[in-house]
All heavy atoms as atom14 arrays in JSON, in Angstrom:
{
  "sequence": "GQPHNTRWAQYSAAAKAAKAARTGSWATCPSL",
  "atom14_mask": [
    [1, 1, 1, 1, 0, 0, 0, 0, 0, 0, 0, 0, 0, 0],
    [1, 1, 1, 1, 1, 1, 1, 1, 1, 0, 0, 0, 0, 0],
    [1, 1, 1, 1, 1, 1, 1, 0, 0, 0, 0, 0, 0, 0],
    [1, 1, 1, 1, 1, 1, 1, 1, 1, 1, 0, 0, 0, 0],
    [1, 1, 1, 1, 1, 1, 1, 1, 0, 0, 0, 0, 0, 0],
    [1, 1, 1, 1, 1, 1, 1, 0, 0, 0, 0, 0, 0, 0],
    [1, 1, 1, 1, 1, 1, 1, 1, 1, 1, 1, 0, 0, 0],
    [1, 1, 1, 1, 1, 1, 1, 1, 1, 1, 1, 1, 1, 1],
    [1, 1, 1, 1, 1, 0, 0, 0, 0, 0, 0, 0, 0, 0],
    [1, 1, 1, 1, 1, 1, 1, 1, 1, 0, 0, 0, 0, 0],
    [1, 1, 1, 1, 1, 1, 1, 1, 1, 1, 1, 1, 0, 0],
    [1, 1, 1, 1, 1, 1, 0, 0, 0, 0, 0, 0, 0, 0],
    [1, 1, 1, 1, 1, 0, 0, 0, 0, 0, 0, 0, 0, 0],
    [1, 1, 1, 1, 1, 0, 0, 0, 0, 0, 0, 0, 0, 0],
    [1, 1, 1, 1, 1, 0, 0, 0, 0, 0, 0, 0, 0, 0],
    [1, 1, 1, 1, 1, 1, 1, 1, 1, 0, 0, 0, 0, 0],
    [1, 1, 1, 1, 1, 0, 0, 0, 0, 0, 0, 0, 0, 0],
    [1, 1, 1, 1, 1, 0, 0, 0, 0, 0, 0, 0, 0, 0],
    [1, 1, 1, 1, 1, 1, 1, 1, 1, 0, 0, 0, 0, 0],
    [1, 1, 1, 1, 1, 0, 0, 0, 0, 0, 0, 0, 0, 0],
    [1, 1, 1, 1, 1, 0, 0, 0, 0, 0, 0, 0, 0, 0],
    [1, 1, 1, 1, 1, 1, 1, 1, 1, 1, 1, 0, 0, 0],
    [1, 1, 1, 1, 1, 1, 1, 0, 0, 0, 0, 0, 0, 0],
    [1, 1, 1, 1, 0, 0, 0, 0, 0, 0, 0, 0, 0, 0],
    [1, 1, 1, 1, 1, 1, 0, 0, 0, 0, 0, 0, 0, 0],
    [1, 1, 1, 1, 1, 1, 1, 1, 1, 1, 1, 1, 1, 1],
    [1, 1, 1, 1, 1, 0, 0, 0, 0, 0, 0, 0, 0, 0],
    [1, 1, 1, 1, 1, 1, 1, 0, 0, 0, 0, 0, 0, 0],
    [1, 1, 1, 1, 1, 1, 0, 0, 0, 0, 0, 0, 0, 0],
    [1, 1, 1, 1, 1, 1, 1, 0, 0, 0, 0, 0, 0, 0],
    [1, 1, 1, 1, 1, 1, 0, 0, 0, 0, 0, 0, 0, 0],
    [1, 1, 1, 1, 1, 1, 1, 1, 0, 0, 0, 0, 0, 0]
  ],
  "atom14_positions": [
    [[1.5, -23.59, -7.65], [2.82, -24.25, -7.46], [3.92, -23.32, -7.31], [5.03, -23.76, -7.02], [0.0, 0.0, 0.0], [0.0, 0.0, 0.0], [0.0, 0.0, 0.0], [0.0, 0.0, 0.0], [0.0, 0.0, 0.0], [0.0, 0.0, 0.0], [0.0, 0.0, 0.0], [0.0, 0.0, 0.0], [0.0, 0.0, 0.0], [0.0, 0.0, 0.0]],
    [[3.73, -22.0, -7.44], [4.78, -21.04, -7.29], [4.76, -20.4, -5.92], [3.66, -20.35, -5.27], [4.6, -19.9, -8.34], [4.85, -20.39, -9.79], [6.26, -20.74, -10.08], [7.21, -20.08, -9.67], [6.35, -21.98, -10.62], [0.0, 0.0, 0.0], [0.0, 0.0, 0.0], [0.0, 0.0, 0.0], [0.0, 0.0, 0.0], [0.0, 0.0, 0.0]],
    [[5.88, -19.97, -5.4], [5.9, -19.34, -4.08], [5.15, -18.01, -4.1], [5.08, -17.3, -5.23], [7.29, -19.23, -3.71], [7.98, -19.09, -5.08], [7.15, -20.02, -5.99], [0.0, 0.0, 0.0], [0.0, 0.0, 0.0], [0.0, 0.0, 0.0], [0.0, 0.0, 0.0], [0.0, 0.0, 0.0], [0.0, 0.0, 0.0], [0.0, 0.0, 0.0]],
    [[4.6, -17.57, -3.01], [4.04, -16.21, -2.96], [5.17, -15.14, -3.14], [6.23, -15.31, -2.58], [3.34, -15.97, -1.67], [2.08, -16.69, -1.52], [1.5, -17.06, -0.3], [1.16, -17.2, -2.43], [0.42, -17.65, -0.48], [0.14, -17.77, -1.78], [0.0, 0.0, 0.0], [0.0, 0.0, 0.0], [0.0, 0.0, 0.0], [0.0, 0.0, 0.0]],
    [[4.92, -14.15, -3.95], [5.89, -13.07, -4.19], [6.09, -12.27, -2.91], [5.31, -12.37, -2.03], [5.52, -12.28, -5.41], [4.18, -11.61, -5.19], [4.01, -10.83, -4.28], [3.3, -11.94, -6.07], [0.0, 0.0, 0.0], [0.0, 0.0, 0.0], [0.0, 0.0, 0.0], [0.0, 0.0, 0.0], [0.0, 0.0, 0.0], [0.0, 0.0, 0.0]],
    [[7.12, -11.39, -2.86], [7.36, -10.59, -1.65], [6.33, -9.59, -1.31], [6.24, -9.15, -0.21], [8.76, -9.93, -1.81], [8.73, -9.1, -2.93], [9.94, -10.89, -1.86], [0.0, 0.0, 0.0], [0.0, 0.0, 0.0], [0.0, 0.0, 0.0], [0.0, 0.0, 0.0], [0.0, 0.0, 0.0], [0.0, 0.0, 0.0], [0.0, 0.0, 0.0]],
    [[5.36, -9.27, -2.23], [4.29, -8.32, -1.97], [2.99, -8.98, -1.8], [1.97, -8.34, -1.73], [4.24, -7.35, -3.16], [5.47, -6.5, -3.26], [5.22, -5.4, -4.36], [6.62, -4.71, -4.67], [6.75, -3.71, -5.49], [5.67, -3.22, -6.14], [7.88, -3.19, -5.7], [0.0, 0.0, 0.0], [0.0, 0.0, 0.0], [0.0, 0.0, 0.0]],
    [[2.97, -10.34, -1.59], [1.77, -11.13, -1.45], [0.89, -10.62, -0.34], [-0.36, -10.39, -0.58], [2.03, -12.57, -1.34], [0.82, -13.35, -1.11], [0.35, -13.94, 0.08], [-0.28, -13.59, -2.1], [-0.89, -14.51, -0.14], [-1.29, -14.28, -1.47], [-0.45, -13.28, -3.46], [-2.43, -14.65, -2.05], [-1.56, -13.69, -4.08], [-2.54, -14.38, -3.4]],
    [[1.42, -10.43, 0.89], [0.6, -10.04, 2.02], [-0.1, -8.73, 1.76], [-1.32, -8.57, 2.01], [1.46, -9.95, 3.31], [0.0, 0.0, 0.0], [0.0, 0.0, 0.0], [0.0, 0.0, 0.0], [0.0, 0.0, 0.0], [0.0, 0.0, 0.0], [0.0, 0.0, 0.0], [0.0, 0.0, 0.0], [0.0, 0.0, 0.0], [0.0, 0.0, 0.0]],
    [[0.6, -7.77, 1.17], [0.06, -6.44, 0.96], [-1.03, -6.55, -0.18], [-2.04, -5.91, -0.07], [1.2, -5.48, 0.51], [0.66, -4.11, 0.23], [1.78, -3.2, -0.26], [2.79, -3.55, -0.78], [1.52, -1.87, -0.13], [0.0, 0.0, 0.0], [0.0, 0.0, 0.0], [0.0, 0.0, 0.0], [0.0, 0.0, 0.0], [0.0, 0.0, 0.0]],
    [[-0.64, -7.25, -1.27], [-1.54, -7.45, -2.36], [-2.86, -8.18, -1.99], [-3.99, -7.83, -2.28], [-0.89, -8.16, -3.58], [-0.02, -7.3, -4.37], [0.47, -6.07, -3.98], [0.34, -7.65, -5.65], [1.28, -5.3, -4.79], [1.12, -6.9, -6.53], [1.66, -5.73, -6.05], [2.38, -4.96, -6.87], [0.0, 0.0, 0.0], [0.0, 0.0, 0.0]],
    [[-2.66, -9.3, -1.19], [-3.82, -10.07, -0.83], [-4.79, -9.25, 0.07], [-6.0, -9.28, -0.05], [-3.31, -11.25, -0.08], [-4.44, -12.12, 0.31], [0.0, 0.0, 0.0], [0.0, 0.0, 0.0], [0.0, 0.0, 0.0], [0.0, 0.0, 0.0], [0.0, 0.0, 0.0], [0.0, 0.0, 0.0], [0.0, 0.0, 0.0], [0.0, 0.0, 0.0]],
    [[-4.15, -8.44, 1.07], [-5.04, -7.67, 1.85], [-5.79, -6.61, 1.07], [-6.92, -6.31, 1.36], [-4.12, -6.98, 2.97], [0.0, 0.0, 0.0], [0.0, 0.0, 0.0], [0.0, 0.0, 0.0], [0.0, 0.0, 0.0], [0.0, 0.0, 0.0], [0.0, 0.0, 0.0], [0.0, 0.0, 0.0], [0.0, 0.0, 0.0], [0.0, 0.0, 0.0]],
    [[-5.15, -5.96, 0.13], [-5.75, -4.92, -0.71], [-6.97, -5.62, -1.47], [-7.96, -4.91, -1.58], [-4.78, -4.27, -1.63], [0.0, 0.0, 0.0], [0.0, 0.0, 0.0], [0.0, 0.0, 0.0], [0.0, 0.0, 0.0], [0.0, 0.0, 0.0], [0.0, 0.0, 0.0], [0.0, 0.0, 0.0], [0.0, 0.0, 0.0], [0.0, 0.0, 0.0]],
    [[-6.7, -6.69, -2.04], [-7.84, -7.39, -2.81], [-8.99, -7.74, -1.93], [-10.11, -7.51, -2.34], [-7.2, -8.62, -3.56], [0.0, 0.0, 0.0], [0.0, 0.0, 0.0], [0.0, 0.0, 0.0], [0.0, 0.0, 0.0], [0.0, 0.0, 0.0], [0.0, 0.0, 0.0], [0.0, 0.0, 0.0], [0.0, 0.0, 0.0], [0.0, 0.0, 0.0]],
    [[-8.67, -8.23, -0.74], [-9.73, -8.63, 0.19], [-10.59, -7.4, 0.6], [-11.74, -7.44, 0.68], [-9.16, -9.36, 1.39], [-8.72, -10.81, 1.11], [-8.12, -11.39, 2.37], [-7.55, -12.79, 1.9], [-6.75, -13.38, 2.94], [0.0, 0.0, 0.0], [0.0, 0.0, 0.0], [0.0, 0.0, 0.0], [0.0, 0.0, 0.0], [0.0, 0.0, 0.0]],
    [[-9.88, -6.34, 0.88], [-10.48, -5.05, 1.3], [-11.39, -4.48, 0.16], [-12.58, -4.14, 0.37], [-9.54, -4.0, 1.76], [0.0, 0.0, 0.0], [0.0, 0.0, 0.0], [0.0, 0.0, 0.0], [0.0, 0.0, 0.0], [0.0, 0.0, 0.0], [0.0, 0.0, 0.0], [0.0, 0.0, 0.0], [0.0, 0.0, 0.0], [0.0, 0.0, 0.0]],
    [[-10.93, -4.55, -1.07], [-11.68, -4.06, -2.18], [-12.92, -4.96, -2.48], [-14.03, -4.44, -2.68], [-10.81, -4.02, -3.44], [0.0, 0.0, 0.0], [0.0, 0.0, 0.0], [0.0, 0.0, 0.0], [0.0, 0.0, 0.0], [0.0, 0.0, 0.0], [0.0, 0.0, 0.0], [0.0, 0.0, 0.0], [0.0, 0.0, 0.0], [0.0, 0.0, 0.0]],
    [[-12.75, -6.24, -2.29], [-13.94, -7.16, -2.54], [-14.91, -7.02, -1.41], [-16.16, -6.88, -1.79], [-13.37, -8.62, -2.51], [-14.5, -9.62, -2.84], [-13.92, -11.08, -2.96], [-14.98, -12.08, -3.31], [-14.42, -13.38, -3.45], [0.0, 0.0, 0.0], [0.0, 0.0, 0.0], [0.0, 0.0, 0.0], [0.0, 0.0, 0.0], [0.0, 0.0, 0.0]],
    [[-14.48, -6.8, -0.18], [-15.4, -6.68, 0.96], [-16.18, -5.38, 0.76], [-17.41, -5.25, 1.16], [-14.63, -6.62, 2.29], [0.0, 0.0, 0.0], [0.0, 0.0, 0.0], [0.0, 0.0, 0.0], [0.0, 0.0, 0.0], [0.0, 0.0, 0.0], [0.0, 0.0, 0.0], [0.0, 0.0, 0.0], [0.0, 0.0, 0.0], [0.0, 0.0, 0.0]],
    [[-15.5, -4.29, 0.27], [-16.19, -3.03, 0.07], [-16.94, -2.93, -1.16], [-17.56, -1.88, -1.51], [-15.18, -1.88, 0.17], [0.0, 0.0, 0.0], [0.0, 0.0, 0.0], [0.0, 0.0, 0.0], [0.0, 0.0, 0.0], [0.0, 0.0, 0.0], [0.0, 0.0, 0.0], [0.0, 0.0, 0.0], [0.0, 0.0, 0.0], [0.0, 0.0, 0.0]],
    [[-16.88, -3.95, -2.08], [-17.56, -4.02, -3.39], [-17.07, -2.82, -4.22], [-17.84, -2.13, -4.89], [-18.99, -4.03, -3.29], [-19.5, -5.33, -2.49], [-20.99, -5.47, -2.41], [-21.74, -5.3, -3.66], [-22.02, -6.26, -4.53], [-21.53, -7.44, -4.33], [-22.74, -5.93, -5.58], [0.0, 0.0, 0.0], [0.0, 0.0, 0.0], [0.0, 0.0, 0.0]],
    [[-15.68, -2.59, -4.2], [-15.16, -1.5, -4.92], [-14.94, -1.87, -6.39], [-14.65, -3.05, -6.72], [-13.76, -1.19, -4.3], [-13.93, -0.86, -2.94], [-13.02, -0.09, -5.04], [0.0, 0.0, 0.0], [0.0, 0.0, 0.0], [0.0, 0.0, 0.0], [0.0, 0.0, 0.0], [0.0, 0.0, 0.0], [0.0, 0.0, 0.0], [0.0, 0.0, 0.0]],
    [[-15.06, -0.96, -7.28], [-14.8, -1.16, -8.7], [-15.7, -2.33, -9.25], [-16.86, -2.32, -9.01], [0.0, 0.0, 0.0], [0.0, 0.0, 0.0], [0.0, 0.0, 0.0], [0.0, 0.0, 0.0], [0.0, 0.0, 0.0], [0.0, 0.0, 0.0], [0.0, 0.0, 0.0], [0.0, 0.0, 0.0], [0.0, 0.0, 0.0], [0.0, 0.0, 0.0]],
    [[-15.06, -3.2, -9.94], [-15.8, -4.24, -10.56], [-16.33, -5.32, -9.6], [-17.26, -6.03, -10.0], [-14.91, -4.95, -11.68], [-14.66, -4.05, -12.69], [0.0, 0.0, 0.0], [0.0, 0.0, 0.0], [0.0, 0.0, 0.0], [0.0, 0.0, 0.0], [0.0, 0.0, 0.0], [0.0, 0.0, 0.0], [0.0, 0.0, 0.0], [0.0, 0.0, 0.0]],
    [[-15.91, -5.29, -8.37], [-16.52, -6.16, -7.42], [-17.96, -5.82, -7.11], [-18.74, -6.66, -6.64], [-15.73, -6.08, -6.05], [-14.4, -6.75, -6.05], [-13.19, -6.2, -5.95], [-14.2, -8.21, -6.32], [-12.15, -7.19, -6.04], [-12.77, -8.38, -6.31], [-15.03, -9.27, -6.46], [-12.17, -9.63, -6.39], [-14.45, -10.59, -6.6], [-13.01, -10.76, -6.61]],
    [[-18.41, -4.63, -7.51], [-19.85, -4.32, -7.29], [-20.74, -5.05, -8.25], [-21.93, -5.28, -7.89], [-20.02, -2.77, -7.58], [0.0, 0.0, 0.0], [0.0, 0.0, 0.0], [0.0, 0.0, 0.0], [0.0, 0.0, 0.0], [0.0, 0.0, 0.0], [0.0, 0.0, 0.0], [0.0, 0.0, 0.0], [0.0, 0.0, 0.0], [0.0, 0.0, 0.0]],
    [[-20.24, -5.58, -9.29], [-21.11, -6.32, -10.35], [-20.48, -7.67, -10.67], [-21.24, -8.37, -11.36], [-21.3, -5.42, -11.59], [-20.04, -5.11, -12.13], [-22.07, -4.17, -11.3], [0.0, 0.0, 0.0], [0.0, 0.0, 0.0], [0.0, 0.0, 0.0], [0.0, 0.0, 0.0], [0.0, 0.0, 0.0], [0.0, 0.0, 0.0], [0.0, 0.0, 0.0]],
    [[-19.26, -7.92, -10.41], [-18.65, -9.2, -10.84], [-18.49, -10.17, -9.66], [-18.04, -9.78, -8.63], [-17.3, -8.89, -11.43], [-17.32, -7.93, -12.95], [0.0, 0.0, 0.0], [0.0, 0.0, 0.0], [0.0, 0.0, 0.0], [0.0, 0.0, 0.0], [0.0, 0.0, 0.0], [0.0, 0.0, 0.0], [0.0, 0.0, 0.0], [0.0, 0.0, 0.0]],
    [[-18.77, -11.5, -10.0], [-18.6, -12.42, -8.85], [-17.16, -12.79, -8.64], [-16.69, -13.26, -7.61], [-19.36, -13.66, -9.34], [-19.44, -13.46, -10.84], [-19.46, -11.98, -11.09], [0.0, 0.0, 0.0], [0.0, 0.0, 0.0], [0.0, 0.0, 0.0], [0.0, 0.0, 0.0], [0.0, 0.0, 0.0], [0.0, 0.0, 0.0], [0.0, 0.0, 0.0]],
    [[-16.29, -12.59, -9.76], [-14.8, -12.84, -9.55], [-14.2, -11.91, -10.61], [-14.75, -11.45, -11.58], [-14.47, -14.29, -9.84], [-14.87, -14.63, -11.18], [0.0, 0.0, 0.0], [0.0, 0.0, 0.0], [0.0, 0.0, 0.0], [0.0, 0.0, 0.0], [0.0, 0.0, 0.0], [0.0, 0.0, 0.0], [0.0, 0.0, 0.0], [0.0, 0.0, 0.0]],
    [[-12.83, -11.77, -10.39], [-12.08, -10.95, -11.28], [-10.85, -11.83, -11.61], [-10.18, -12.3, -10.79], [-11.56, -9.62, -10.63], [-12.69, -8.73, -10.1], [-12.08, -7.47, -9.45], [-13.6, -8.3, -11.23], [0.0, 0.0, 0.0], [0.0, 0.0, 0.0], [0.0, 0.0, 0.0], [0.0, 0.0, 0.0], [0.0, 0.0, 0.0], [0.0, 0.0, 0.0]]
  ]
}
């Protein structure tokens, strides 16, 4: 219910890239 913050596009892209590359905890966790 809250608006996306001003860094949302950058943050969302970074999270998607890390998840796709299975970086960090994405290597073993289904969600963070």
